[in-house]
Amino acid sequence: MWLYPGIPEAPSPVICAQATPPATSSTPIVNTHRDCMPLCAARCRVEPHRKICRRLCMKCCSRCKCVPPGEYGANMDKCGKCYTDMEYHGHKCP
């Protein structure tokens, strides 16, 4: 059917039933305390005070269920407000 002479009708849009959304977060999923261990070890690898860094990271990971990718201090916004605002004994999350 033509709405205007000389202009064809637009085709109807195709809707996919099972479209997969793109991954928006590059942070690994943390379900248990054990999931935090390798992530915190990698995050604190270059930090001179590794033991303190890991302890803080483990507390933050346990509470926020997230460890940002990268090294100490980088990409903190990837884990949201919980990770960026949390303090443990006066220290911020690494």
PDB file of N, CA and C in Angstrom:
ATOM      1  N   MET A   1       0.841  -1.172   0.000  1.00  0.00           N
ATOM      2  CA  MET A   1       0.000   0.000   0.000  1.00  0.00           C
ATOM      3  C   MET A   1       0.891   1.241   0.000  1.00  0.00           C
ATOM      4  N   TRP A   2       0.473   2.215  -0.737  1.00  0.00           N
ATOM      5  CA  TRP A   2       1.243   3.455  -0.865  1.00  0.00           C
ATOM      6  C   TRP A   2       0.585   4.548  -0.035  1.00  0.00           C
ATOM      7  N   LEU A   3       1.430   5.219   0.766  1.00  0.00           N
ATOM      8  CA  LEU A   3       0.898   6.345   1.523  1.00  0.00           C
ATOM      9  C   LEU A   3       0.942   7.623   0.689  1.00  0.00           C
ATOM     10  N   TYR A   4       2.021   7.801  -0.030  1.00  0.00           N
ATOM     11  CA  TYR A   4       2.199   8.950  -0.903  1.00  0.00           C
ATOM     12  C   TYR A   4       2.596   8.424  -2.274  1.00  0.00           C
ATOM     13  N   PRO A   5       2.109   9.038  -3.303  1.00  0.00           N
ATOM     14  CA  PRO A   5       2.475   8.571  -4.640  1.00  0.00           C
ATOM     15  C   PRO A   5       3.969   8.736  -4.896  1.00  0.00           C
ATOM     16  N   GLY A   6       4.603   7.702  -5.346  1.00  0.00           N
ATOM     17  CA  GLY A   6       6.012   7.739  -5.693  1.00  0.00           C
ATOM     18  C   GLY A   6       6.947   7.374  -4.548  1.00  0.00           C
ATOM     19  N   ILE A   7       6.430   7.260  -3.306  1.00  0.00           N
ATOM     20  CA  ILE A   7       7.269   6.911  -2.160  1.00  0.00           C
ATOM     21  C   ILE A   7       6.781   5.565  -1.624  1.00  0.00           C
ATOM     22  N   PRO A   8       7.641   4.530  -1.677  1.00  0.00           N
ATOM     23  CA  PRO A   8       7.209   3.221  -1.195  1.00  0.00           C
ATOM     24  C   PRO A   8       7.098   3.196   0.337  1.00  0.00           C
ATOM     25  N   GLU A   9       6.291   2.293   0.824  1.00  0.00           N
ATOM     26  CA  GLU A   9       6.100   2.138   2.274  1.00  0.00           C
ATOM     27  C   GLU A   9       7.353   1.513   2.886  1.00  0.00           C
ATOM     28  N   ALA A  10       7.698   1.947   4.089  1.00  0.00           N
ATOM     29  CA  ALA A  10       8.878   1.419   4.780  1.00  0.00           C
ATOM     30  C   ALA A  10       8.623  -0.024   5.193  1.00  0.00           C
ATOM     31  N   PRO A  11       9.648  -0.888   5.065  1.00  0.00           N
ATOM     32  CA  PRO A  11       9.458  -2.278   5.476  1.00  0.00           C
ATOM     33  C   PRO A  11       9.295  -2.365   6.991  1.00  0.00           C
ATOM     34  N   SER A  12       8.578  -3.375   7.430  1.00  0.00           N
ATOM     35  CA  SER A  12       8.375  -3.551   8.875  1.00  0.00           C
ATOM     36  C   SER A  12       9.677  -4.013   9.520  1.00  0.00           C
ATOM     37  N   PRO A  13       9.973  -3.555  10.740  1.00  0.00           N
ATOM     38  CA  PRO A  13      11.230  -3.941  11.401  1.00  0.00           C
ATOM     39  C   PRO A  13      11.236  -5.410  11.799  1.00  0.00           C
ATOM     40  N   VAL A  14      12.421  -5.992  11.739  1.00  0.00           N
ATOM     41  CA  VAL A  14      12.595  -7.389  12.123  1.00  0.00           C
ATOM     42  C   VAL A  14      13.018  -7.419  13.591  1.00  0.00           C
ATOM     43  N   ILE A  15      12.314  -8.191  14.409  1.00  0.00           N
ATOM     44  CA  ILE A  15      12.615  -8.271  15.838  1.00  0.00           C
ATOM     45  C   ILE A  15      13.180  -9.659  16.136  1.00  0.00           C
ATOM     46  N   CYS A  16      14.363  -9.692  16.706  1.00  0.00           N
ATOM     47  CA  CYS A  16      14.987 -10.956  17.072  1.00  0.00           C
ATOM     48  C   CYS A  16      14.500 -11.370  18.454  1.00  0.00           C
ATOM     49  N   ALA A  17      14.099 -12.594  18.595  1.00  0.00           N
ATOM     50  CA  ALA A  17      13.560 -13.061  19.869  1.00  0.00           C
ATOM     51  C   ALA A  17      14.645 -13.267  20.926  1.00  0.00           C
ATOM     52  N   GLN A  18      15.837 -13.739  20.517  1.00  0.00           N
ATOM     53  CA  GLN A  18      16.879 -14.032  21.488  1.00  0.00           C
ATOM     54  C   GLN A  18      18.152 -13.254  21.173  1.00  0.00           C
ATOM     55  N   ALA A  19      18.064 -11.956  21.238  1.00  0.00           N
ATOM     56  CA  ALA A  19      19.247 -11.122  21.017  1.00  0.00           C
ATOM     57  C   ALA A  19      20.063 -11.070  22.296  1.00  0.00           C
ATOM     58  N   THR A  20      21.358 -11.205  22.179  1.00  0.00           N
ATOM     59  CA  THR A  20      22.214 -11.142  23.359  1.00  0.00           C
ATOM     60  C   THR A  20      22.743  -9.734  23.522  1.00  0.00           C
ATOM     61  N   PRO A  21      22.579  -9.149  24.710  1.00  0.00           N
ATOM     62  CA  PRO A  21      23.074  -7.794  24.919  1.00  0.00           C
ATOM     63  C   PRO A  21      24.596  -7.775  24.962  1.00  0.00           C
ATOM     64  N   PRO A  22      25.216  -6.686  24.542  1.00  0.00           N
ATOM     65  CA  PRO A  22      26.674  -6.609  24.608  1.00  0.00           C
ATOM     66  C   PRO A  22      27.143  -6.539  26.043  1.00  0.00           C
ATOM     67  N   ALA A  23      28.311  -7.076  26.308  1.00  0.00           N
ATOM     68  CA  ALA A  23      28.877  -7.037  27.649  1.00  0.00           C
ATOM     69  C   ALA A  23      29.327  -5.606  27.941  1.00  0.00           C
ATOM     70  N   THR A  24      28.751  -4.998  28.993  1.00  0.00           N
ATOM     71  CA  THR A  24      29.098  -3.624  29.318  1.00  0.00           C
ATOM     72  C   THR A  24      30.169  -3.555  30.389  1.00  0.00           C
ATOM     73  N   SER A  25      30.331  -4.606  31.141  1.00  0.00           N
ATOM     74  CA  SER A  25      31.291  -4.576  32.235  1.00  0.00           C
ATOM     75  C   SER A  25      32.412  -5.566  31.961  1.00  0.00           C
ATOM     76  N   SER A  26      33.629  -5.128  32.157  1.00  0.00           N
ATOM     77  CA  SER A  26      34.764  -6.015  31.947  1.00  0.00           C
ATOM     78  C   SER A  26      35.283  -6.573  33.268  1.00  0.00           C
ATOM     79  N   THR A  27      34.526  -6.356  34.345  1.00  0.00           N
ATOM     80  CA  THR A  27      34.953  -6.871  35.639  1.00  0.00           C
ATOM     81  C   THR A  27      34.484  -8.308  35.796  1.00  0.00           C
ATOM     82  N   PRO A  28      35.345  -9.196  36.324  1.00  0.00           N
ATOM     83  CA  PRO A  28      34.938 -10.583  36.524  1.00  0.00           C
ATOM     84  C   PRO A  28      33.874 -10.703  37.611  1.00  0.00           C
ATOM     85  N   ILE A  29      33.061 -11.728  37.519  1.00  0.00           N
ATOM     86  CA  ILE A  29      32.011 -11.968  38.503  1.00  0.00           C
ATOM     87  C   ILE A  29      32.630 -12.561  39.764  1.00  0.00           C
ATOM     88  N   VAL A  30      32.247 -12.008  40.903  1.00  0.00           N
ATOM     89  CA  VAL A  30      32.748 -12.470  42.192  1.00  0.00           C
ATOM     90  C   VAL A  30      31.563 -13.007  42.988  1.00  0.00           C
ATOM     91  N   ASN A  31      31.563 -14.293  43.266  1.00  0.00           N
ATOM     92  CA  ASN A  31      30.480 -14.899  44.036  1.00  0.00           C
ATOM     93  C   ASN A  31      30.900 -15.229  45.465  1.00  0.00           C
ATOM     94  N   THR A  32      32.129 -15.667  45.639  1.00  0.00           N
ATOM     95  CA  THR A  32      32.594 -16.076  46.961  1.00  0.00           C
ATOM     96  C   THR A  32      33.907 -15.381  47.302  1.00  0.00           C
ATOM     97  N   HIS A  33      34.319 -15.555  48.545  1.00  0.00           N
ATOM     98  CA  HIS A  33      35.579 -14.992  49.025  1.00  0.00           C
ATOM     99  C   HIS A  33      36.761 -15.560  48.228  1.00  0.00           C
ATOM    100  N   ARG A  34      36.648 -16.797  47.808  1.00  0.00           N
ATOM    101  CA  ARG A  34      37.718 -17.451  47.031  1.00  0.00           C
ATOM    102  C   ARG A  34      37.914 -16.820  45.664  1.00  0.00           C
ATOM    103  N   ASP A  35      36.850 -16.280  45.101  1.00  0.00           N
ATOM    104  CA  ASP A  35      36.961 -15.612  43.798  1.00  0.00           C
ATOM    105  C   ASP A  35      37.799 -14.344  43.892  1.00  0.00           C
ATOM    106  N   CYS A  36      37.862 -13.748  45.088  1.00  0.00           N
ATOM    107  CA  CYS A  36      38.608 -12.499  45.289  1.00  0.00           C
ATOM    108  C   CYS A  36      40.121 -12.717  45.285  1.00  0.00           C
ATOM    109  N   MET A  37      40.573 -13.874  45.742  1.00  0.00           N
ATOM    110  CA  MET A  37      42.012 -14.115  45.932  1.00  0.00           C
ATOM    111  C   MET A  37      42.856 -13.872  44.675  1.00  0.00           C
ATOM    112  N   PRO A  38      42.568 -14.516  43.547  1.00  0.00           N
ATOM    113  CA  PRO A  38      43.417 -14.284  42.369  1.00  0.00           C
ATOM    114  C   PRO A  38      43.265 -12.870  41.801  1.00  0.00           C
ATOM    115  N   LEU A  39      42.074 -12.303  41.919  1.00  0.00           N
ATOM    116  CA  LEU A  39      41.855 -10.955  41.407  1.00  0.00           C
ATOM    117  C   LEU A  39      42.638  -9.925  42.210  1.00  0.00           C
ATOM    118  N   CYS A  40      42.642 -10.077  43.537  1.00  0.00           N
ATOM    119  CA  CYS A  40      43.383  -9.148  44.395  1.00  0.00           C
ATOM    120  C   CYS A  40      44.893  -9.346  44.250  1.00  0.00           C
ATOM    121  N   ALA A  41      45.321 -10.578  44.059  1.00  0.00           N
ATOM    122  CA  ALA A  41      46.754 -10.839  43.860  1.00  0.00           C
ATOM    123  C   ALA A  41      47.240 -10.136  42.590  1.00  0.00           C
ATOM    124  N   ALA A  42      46.432 -10.187  41.537  1.00  0.00           N
ATOM    125  CA  ALA A  42      46.803  -9.528  40.281  1.00  0.00           C
ATOM    126  C   ALA A  42      46.762  -8.014  40.427  1.00  0.00           C
ATOM    127  N   ARG A  43      45.776  -7.507  41.151  1.00  0.00           N
ATOM    128  CA  ARG A  43      45.643  -6.057  41.316  1.00  0.00           C
ATOM    129  C   ARG A  43      46.792  -5.468  42.126  1.00  0.00           C
ATOM    130  N   CYS A  44      47.279  -6.204  43.107  1.00  0.00           N
ATOM    131  CA  CYS A  44      48.320  -5.698  44.006  1.00  0.00           C
ATOM    132  C   CYS A  44      49.722  -6.174  43.618  1.00  0.00           C
ATOM    133  N   ARG A  45      49.877  -6.747  42.454  1.00  0.00           N
ATOM    134  CA  ARG A  45      51.147  -7.331  42.026  1.00  0.00           C
ATOM    135  C   ARG A  45      52.297  -6.318  42.018  1.00  0.00           C
ATOM    136  N   VAL A  46      52.061  -5.090  41.575  1.00  0.00           N
ATOM    137  CA  VAL A  46      53.146  -4.111  41.474  1.00  0.00           C
ATOM    138  C   VAL A  46      53.221  -3.174  42.679  1.00  0.00           C
ATOM    139  N   GLU A  47      52.305  -3.288  43.602  1.00  0.00           N
ATOM    140  CA  GLU A  47      52.289  -2.421  44.783  1.00  0.00           C
ATOM    141  C   GLU A  47      53.438  -2.790  45.725  1.00  0.00           C
ATOM    142  N   PRO A  48      54.221  -1.822  46.230  1.00  0.00           N
ATOM    143  CA  PRO A  48      55.330  -2.140  47.136  1.00  0.00           C
ATOM    144  C   PRO A  48      54.861  -2.772  48.456  1.00  0.00           C
ATOM    145  N   HIS A  49      53.697  -2.375  48.934  1.00  0.00           N
ATOM    146  CA  HIS A  49      53.149  -2.938  50.180  1.00  0.00           C
ATOM    147  C   HIS A  49      52.062  -3.953  49.827  1.00  0.00           C
ATOM    148  N   ARG A  50      52.487  -5.061  49.229  1.00  0.00           N
ATOM    149  CA  ARG A  50      51.547  -6.057  48.705  1.00  0.00           C
ATOM    150  C   ARG A  50      50.637  -6.648  49.767  1.00  0.00           C
ATOM    151  N   LYS A  51      51.166  -6.931  50.929  1.00  0.00           N
ATOM    152  CA  LYS A  51      50.380  -7.586  51.969  1.00  0.00           C
ATOM    153  C   LYS A  51      49.210  -6.696  52.417  1.00  0.00           C
ATOM    154  N   ILE A  52      49.487  -5.426  52.629  1.00  0.00           N
ATOM    155  CA  ILE A  52      48.437  -4.483  53.029  1.00  0.00           C
ATOM    156  C   ILE A  52      47.446  -4.292  51.890  1.00  0.00           C
ATOM    157  N   CYS A  53      47.957  -4.173  50.678  1.00  0.00           N
ATOM    158  CA  CYS A  53      47.103  -3.999  49.506  1.00  0.00           C
ATOM    159  C   CYS A  53      46.150  -5.182  49.352  1.00  0.00           C
ATOM    160  N   ARG A  54      46.671  -6.391  49.469  1.00  0.00           N
ATOM    161  CA  ARG A  54      45.819  -7.587  49.340  1.00  0.00           C
ATOM    162  C   ARG A  54      44.766  -7.654  50.433  1.00  0.00           C
ATOM    163  N   ARG A  55      45.140  -7.315  51.649  1.00  0.00           N
ATOM    164  CA  ARG A  55      44.189  -7.348  52.762  1.00  0.00           C
ATOM    165  C   ARG A  55      43.044  -6.360  52.514  1.00  0.00           C
ATOM    166  N   LEU A  56      43.391  -5.152  52.096  1.00  0.00           N
ATOM    167  CA  LEU A  56      42.360  -4.155  51.782  1.00  0.00           C
ATOM    168  C   LEU A  56      41.503  -4.602  50.602  1.00  0.00           C
ATOM    169  N   CYS A  57      42.152  -5.105  49.592  1.00  0.00           N
ATOM    170  CA  CYS A  57      41.437  -5.554  48.401  1.00  0.00           C
ATOM    171  C   CYS A  57      40.459  -6.683  48.733  1.00  0.00           C
ATOM    172  N   MET A  58      40.877  -7.608  49.571  1.00  0.00           N
ATOM    173  CA  MET A  58      40.013  -8.728  49.955  1.00  0.00           C
ATOM    174  C   MET A  58      38.783  -8.234  50.722  1.00  0.00           C
ATOM    175  N   LYS A  59      38.965  -7.270  51.627  1.00  0.00           N
ATOM    176  CA  LYS A  59      37.833  -6.721  52.377  1.00  0.00           C
ATOM    177  C   LYS A  59      36.866  -6.010  51.436  1.00  0.00           C
ATOM    178  N   CYS A  60      37.421  -5.206  50.539  1.00  0.00           N
ATOM    179  CA  CYS A  60      36.576  -4.475  49.591  1.00  0.00           C
ATOM    180  C   CYS A  60      35.859  -5.430  48.641  1.00  0.00           C
ATOM    181  N   CYS A  61      36.555  -6.450  48.192  1.00  0.00           N
ATOM    182  CA  CYS A  61      35.978  -7.433  47.283  1.00  0.00           C
ATOM    183  C   CYS A  61      34.854  -8.215  47.968  1.00  0.00           C
ATOM    184  N   SER A  62      35.083  -8.579  49.219  1.00  0.00           N
ATOM    185  CA  SER A  62      34.069  -9.337  49.955  1.00  0.00           C
ATOM    186  C   SER A  62      32.798  -8.525  50.138  1.00  0.00           C
ATOM    187  N   ARG A  63      32.960  -7.252  50.416  1.00  0.00           N
ATOM    188  CA  ARG A  63      31.799  -6.411  50.675  1.00  0.00           C
ATOM    189  C   ARG A  63      31.127  -5.950  49.387  1.00  0.00           C
ATOM    190  N   CYS A  64      31.904  -5.561  48.396  1.00  0.00           N
ATOM    191  CA  CYS A  64      31.349  -4.988  47.163  1.00  0.00           C
ATOM    192  C   CYS A  64      31.142  -6.015  46.050  1.00  0.00           C
ATOM    193  N   LYS A  65      31.703  -7.207  46.203  1.00  0.00           N
ATOM    194  CA  LYS A  65      31.599  -8.285  45.204  1.00  0.00           C
ATOM    195  C   LYS A  65      32.163  -7.863  43.847  1.00  0.00           C
ATOM    196  N   CYS A  66      33.286  -7.152  43.896  1.00  0.00           N
ATOM    197  CA  CYS A  66      33.891  -6.667  42.662  1.00  0.00           C
ATOM    198  C   CYS A  66      35.342  -6.284  42.907  1.00  0.00           C
ATOM    199  N   VAL A  67      36.199  -6.520  41.916  1.00  0.00           N
ATOM    200  CA  VAL A  67      37.582  -6.036  41.906  1.00  0.00           C
ATOM    201  C   VAL A  67      37.807  -5.434  40.529  1.00  0.00           C
ATOM    202  N   PRO A  68      38.189  -4.156  40.462  1.00  0.00           N
ATOM    203  CA  PRO A  68      38.392  -3.532  39.150  1.00  0.00           C
ATOM    204  C   PRO A  68      39.559  -4.165  38.395  1.00  0.00           C
ATOM    205  N   PRO A  69      39.490  -4.186  37.075  1.00  0.00           N
ATOM    206  CA  PRO A  69      40.608  -4.722  36.294  1.00  0.00           C
ATOM    207  C   PRO A  69      41.798  -3.770  36.349  1.00  0.00           C
ATOM    208  N   GLY A  70      42.961  -4.301  36.154  1.00  0.00           N
ATOM    209  CA  GLY A  70      44.162  -3.464  36.126  1.00  0.00           C
ATOM    210  C   GLY A  70      44.891  -3.442  37.454  1.00  0.00           C
ATOM    211  N   GLU A  71      45.873  -2.540  37.518  1.00  0.00           N
ATOM    212  CA  GLU A  71      46.725  -2.457  38.699  1.00  0.00           C
ATOM    213  C   GLU A  71      46.142  -1.509  39.737  1.00  0.00           C
ATOM    214  N   TYR A  72      46.823  -1.415  40.852  1.00  0.00           N
ATOM    215  CA  TYR A  72      46.424  -0.596  41.987  1.00  0.00           C
ATOM    216  C   TYR A  72      46.033   0.822  41.562  1.00  0.00           C
ATOM    217  N   GLY A  73      44.831   1.242  41.936  1.00  0.00           N
ATOM    218  CA  GLY A  73      44.372   2.600  41.669  1.00  0.00           C
ATOM    219  C   GLY A  73      43.741   2.848  40.317  1.00  0.00           C
ATOM    220  N   ALA A  74      43.803   1.899  39.411  1.00  0.00           N
ATOM    221  CA  ALA A  74      43.255   2.093  38.066  1.00  0.00           C
ATOM    222  C   ALA A  74      41.843   1.518  37.956  1.00  0.00           C
ATOM    223  N   ASN A  75      41.020   2.128  37.129  1.00  0.00           N
ATOM    224  CA  ASN A  75      39.678   1.630  36.789  1.00  0.00           C
ATOM    225  C   ASN A  75      38.754   1.454  37.984  1.00  0.00           C
ATOM    226  N   MET A  76      38.921   2.226  39.027  1.00  0.00           N
ATOM    227  CA  MET A  76      38.098   2.052  40.226  1.00  0.00           C
ATOM    228  C   MET A  76      36.623   2.314  39.954  1.00  0.00           C
ATOM    229  N   ASP A  77      36.321   3.147  38.972  1.00  0.00           N
ATOM    230  CA  ASP A  77      34.931   3.460  38.664  1.00  0.00           C
ATOM    231  C   ASP A  77      34.172   2.269  38.067  1.00  0.00           C
ATOM    232  N   LYS A  78      34.881   1.246  37.623  1.00  0.00           N
ATOM    233  CA  LYS A  78      34.236   0.069  37.028  1.00  0.00           C
ATOM    234  C   LYS A  78      33.423  -0.729  38.048  1.00  0.00           C
ATOM    235  N   CYS A  79      33.744  -0.595  39.340  1.00  0.00           N
ATOM    236  CA  CYS A  79      33.031  -1.345  40.372  1.00  0.00           C
ATOM    237  C   CYS A  79      31.952  -0.531  41.070  1.00  0.00           C
ATOM    238  N   GLY A  80      31.785   0.686  40.675  1.00  0.00           N
ATOM    239  CA  GLY A  80      30.698   1.486  41.217  1.00  0.00           C
ATOM    240  C   GLY A  80      31.032   2.181  42.527  1.00  0.00           C
ATOM    241  N   LYS A  81      30.005   2.755  43.105  1.00  0.00           N
ATOM    242  CA  LYS A  81      30.150   3.595  44.283  1.00  0.00           C
ATOM    243  C   LYS A  81      30.601   2.816  45.514  1.00  0.00           C
ATOM    244  N   CYS A  82      30.196   1.575  45.638  1.00  0.00           N
ATOM    245  CA  CYS A  82      30.596   0.766  46.795  1.00  0.00           C
ATOM    246  C   CYS A  82      32.114   0.714  46.910  1.00  0.00           C
ATOM    247  N   TYR A  83      32.778   0.413  45.814  1.00  0.00           N
ATOM    248  CA  TYR A  83      34.231   0.253  45.829  1.00  0.00           C
ATOM    249  C   TYR A  83      34.953   1.588  45.965  1.00  0.00           C
ATOM    250  N   THR A  84      34.467   2.622  45.286  1.00  0.00           N
ATOM    251  CA  THR A  84      35.157   3.914  45.312  1.00  0.00           C
ATOM    252  C   THR A  84      34.998   4.635  46.645  1.00  0.00           C
ATOM    253  N   ASP A  85      33.876   4.437  47.336  1.00  0.00           N
ATOM    254  CA  ASP A  85      33.614   5.157  48.583  1.00  0.00           C
ATOM    255  C   ASP A  85      33.965   4.378  49.850  1.00  0.00           C
ATOM    256  N   MET A  86      34.189   3.086  49.729  1.00  0.00           N
ATOM    257  CA  MET A  86      34.439   2.268  50.922  1.00  0.00           C
ATOM    258  C   MET A  86      35.804   2.553  51.533  1.00  0.00           C
ATOM    259  N   GLU A  87      35.843   2.572  52.859  1.00  0.00           N
ATOM    260  CA  GLU A  87      37.102   2.694  53.603  1.00  0.00           C
ATOM    261  C   GLU A  87      37.159   1.568  54.621  1.00  0.00           C
ATOM    262  N   TYR A  88      38.368   1.086  54.860  1.00  0.00           N
ATOM    263  CA  TYR A  88      38.590   0.036  55.848  1.00  0.00           C
ATOM    264  C   TYR A  88      39.742   0.509  56.727  1.00  0.00           C
ATOM    265  N   HIS A  89      39.453   0.793  57.962  1.00  0.00           N
ATOM    266  CA  HIS A  89      40.446   1.323  58.917  1.00  0.00           C
ATOM    267  C   HIS A  89      41.146   2.570  58.369  1.00  0.00           C
ATOM    268  N   GLY A  90      40.367   3.442  57.739  1.00  0.00           N
ATOM    269  CA  GLY A  90      40.905   4.695  57.222  1.00  0.00           C
ATOM    270  C   GLY A  90      41.587   4.616  55.881  1.00  0.00           C
ATOM    271  N   HIS A  91      41.610   3.451  55.241  1.00  0.00           N
ATOM    272  CA  HIS A  91      42.253   3.281  53.933  1.00  0.00           C
ATOM    273  C   HIS A  91      41.183   3.017  52.876  1.00  0.00           C
ATOM    274  N   LYS A  92      41.378   3.604  51.705  1.00  0.00           N
ATOM    275  CA  LYS A  92      40.466   3.376  50.591  1.00  0.00           C
ATOM    276  C   LYS A  92      40.803   2.052  49.914  1.00  0.00           C
ATOM    277  N   CYS A  93      39.851   1.539  49.160  1.00  0.00           N
ATOM    278  CA  CYS A  93      40.079   0.305  48.407  1.00  0.00           C
ATOM    279  C   CYS A  93      41.148   0.552  47.346  1.00  0.00           C
ATOM    280  N   PRO A  94      42.014  -0.459  47.104  1.00  0.00           N
ATOM    281  CA  PRO A  94      43.115  -0.279  46.138  1.00  0.00           C
ATOM    282  C   PRO A  94      42.651  -0.217  44.696  1.00  0.00           C
TER     283      PRO A  94
END
